N, C-alpha and C. Protein backbone atom coordinates (compact mmCIF):
# COMPACT_ATOMS: atom_id res chain seq x y z
N MET A 1 -10.01 0.04 11.48
CA MET A 1 -10.40 -0.71 10.31
C MET A 1 -9.43 -1.93 10.07
N GLN A 2 -9.97 -3.03 9.69
CA GLN A 2 -9.21 -4.17 9.52
C GLN A 2 -8.87 -4.41 8.11
N ASP A 3 -7.64 -4.90 7.78
CA ASP A 3 -7.33 -5.23 6.44
C ASP A 3 -7.89 -6.49 5.90
N LEU A 4 -8.44 -6.47 4.71
CA LEU A 4 -8.99 -7.69 4.06
C LEU A 4 -7.92 -8.21 3.12
N VAL A 5 -7.76 -9.50 3.07
CA VAL A 5 -6.79 -10.05 2.16
C VAL A 5 -7.40 -11.30 1.44
N ILE A 6 -6.94 -11.58 0.40
CA ILE A 6 -7.39 -12.75 -0.42
C ILE A 6 -6.37 -13.78 -0.41
N TYR A 7 -6.81 -14.97 0.10
CA TYR A 7 -5.96 -16.25 0.15
C TYR A 7 -6.64 -17.41 -0.58
N LYS A 8 -6.14 -17.99 -1.56
CA LYS A 8 -6.76 -19.14 -2.14
C LYS A 8 -8.15 -18.69 -2.70
N ASN A 9 -8.21 -17.58 -3.22
CA ASN A 9 -9.51 -17.18 -3.82
C ASN A 9 -10.67 -16.92 -2.75
N GLU A 10 -10.38 -16.73 -1.55
CA GLU A 10 -11.32 -16.39 -0.55
C GLU A 10 -10.90 -15.25 0.28
N ILE A 11 -11.84 -14.49 0.81
CA ILE A 11 -11.46 -13.31 1.59
C ILE A 11 -11.36 -13.58 3.00
N TYR A 12 -10.31 -13.06 3.63
CA TYR A 12 -9.91 -13.17 5.08
C TYR A 12 -9.66 -11.85 5.72
N THR A 13 -9.70 -11.90 6.98
CA THR A 13 -9.32 -10.58 7.71
C THR A 13 -8.01 -10.85 8.27
N LEU A 14 -7.08 -9.88 8.08
CA LEU A 14 -5.75 -9.99 8.56
C LEU A 14 -5.77 -9.68 10.04
N PHE A 15 -5.47 -10.74 10.88
CA PHE A 15 -5.57 -10.59 12.35
C PHE A 15 -4.30 -10.14 12.90
N HIS A 16 -3.15 -10.67 12.46
CA HIS A 16 -1.83 -10.34 13.20
C HIS A 16 -0.76 -10.62 12.23
N LYS A 17 0.32 -9.59 12.07
CA LYS A 17 1.35 -9.79 11.19
C LYS A 17 2.61 -9.80 12.05
N TYR A 18 3.40 -10.83 11.89
CA TYR A 18 4.61 -10.99 12.60
C TYR A 18 5.80 -10.39 11.79
N GLU A 19 6.93 -10.02 12.49
CA GLU A 19 8.11 -9.57 11.79
C GLU A 19 8.75 -10.44 10.86
N SER A 20 8.50 -11.81 11.08
CA SER A 20 9.11 -12.74 10.13
C SER A 20 8.43 -12.87 8.81
N GLY A 21 7.32 -12.12 8.71
CA GLY A 21 6.52 -12.21 7.36
C GLY A 21 5.37 -13.02 7.33
N TYR A 22 5.20 -13.78 8.43
CA TYR A 22 3.89 -14.63 8.69
C TYR A 22 2.87 -13.83 9.14
N CYS A 23 1.58 -14.12 8.65
CA CYS A 23 0.39 -13.49 9.20
C CYS A 23 -0.61 -14.48 9.71
N GLU A 24 -1.42 -14.12 10.69
CA GLU A 24 -2.57 -14.81 11.12
C GLU A 24 -3.69 -14.26 10.47
N ILE A 25 -4.57 -15.04 9.73
CA ILE A 25 -5.67 -14.59 9.05
C ILE A 25 -6.98 -15.32 9.46
N LEU A 26 -8.02 -14.71 9.44
CA LEU A 26 -9.48 -15.12 9.95
C LEU A 26 -10.29 -15.23 8.83
N LYS A 27 -11.10 -16.17 8.79
CA LYS A 27 -12.17 -16.32 7.73
C LYS A 27 -13.22 -15.22 8.02
N THR A 28 -13.63 -14.60 6.88
CA THR A 28 -14.67 -13.39 7.16
C THR A 28 -16.04 -13.89 7.41
N ARG A 29 -16.34 -15.12 6.89
CA ARG A 29 -17.72 -15.67 6.97
C ARG A 29 -17.60 -17.12 7.40
N GLY A 30 -18.59 -17.56 7.98
CA GLY A 30 -18.59 -19.05 8.40
C GLY A 30 -17.96 -19.22 9.76
N TYR A 31 -17.38 -20.35 10.00
CA TYR A 31 -16.83 -20.70 11.14
C TYR A 31 -15.47 -19.99 11.47
N LEU A 32 -15.14 -19.80 12.81
CA LEU A 32 -13.89 -19.05 13.05
C LEU A 32 -12.76 -20.00 13.11
N ARG A 33 -11.85 -19.64 12.34
CA ARG A 33 -10.57 -20.45 12.07
C ARG A 33 -9.39 -19.48 11.80
N VAL A 34 -8.36 -19.65 12.55
CA VAL A 34 -7.19 -18.84 12.37
C VAL A 34 -6.10 -19.66 11.54
N ILE A 35 -5.66 -19.06 10.48
CA ILE A 35 -4.71 -19.80 9.57
C ILE A 35 -3.44 -18.94 9.52
N LEU A 36 -2.29 -19.68 9.65
CA LEU A 36 -0.93 -18.96 9.62
C LEU A 36 -0.45 -19.16 8.19
N VAL A 37 -0.17 -18.09 7.65
CA VAL A 37 0.49 -18.13 6.20
C VAL A 37 1.42 -17.01 6.08
N HIS A 38 2.31 -17.13 5.02
CA HIS A 38 3.28 -16.13 4.78
C HIS A 38 2.72 -15.04 3.93
N GLU A 39 3.11 -13.82 4.27
CA GLU A 39 2.51 -12.67 3.56
C GLU A 39 2.67 -12.79 2.09
N SER A 40 3.67 -13.45 1.50
CA SER A 40 3.78 -13.58 0.01
C SER A 40 2.77 -14.27 -0.47
N GLU A 41 2.03 -15.08 0.28
CA GLU A 41 0.78 -15.89 -0.40
C GLU A 41 -0.44 -15.06 -0.37
N LEU A 42 -0.46 -13.79 0.15
CA LEU A 42 -1.62 -13.03 0.42
C LEU A 42 -1.63 -11.89 -0.71
N HIS A 43 -2.84 -11.56 -1.05
CA HIS A 43 -3.17 -10.28 -1.82
C HIS A 43 -4.00 -9.46 -1.12
N TYR A 44 -3.77 -8.23 -0.91
CA TYR A 44 -4.58 -7.23 -0.17
C TYR A 44 -5.64 -6.76 -0.98
N LYS A 45 -6.92 -6.71 -0.48
CA LYS A 45 -8.18 -6.33 -1.11
C LYS A 45 -8.18 -4.84 -1.09
N ASP A 46 -8.59 -4.26 -2.18
CA ASP A 46 -8.91 -2.71 -2.17
C ASP A 46 -9.79 -2.36 -1.17
N LYS A 47 -9.65 -1.14 -0.61
CA LYS A 47 -10.44 -0.65 0.36
C LYS A 47 -11.61 0.27 -0.20
N SER A 48 -12.45 -0.32 -0.92
CA SER A 48 -13.50 0.43 -1.59
C SER A 48 -14.90 -0.05 -1.29
């Protein structure tokens, strides 16, 4: 199961998390685009 995160009020899939605290996230809908952001900018979506 993949973790869903919220970044700038949109839902993304957490693709990879680096030891430095940066994460690669993918858009869950629409075109495929990987974004590199720091974990402090993300909010984890509840798994419900």
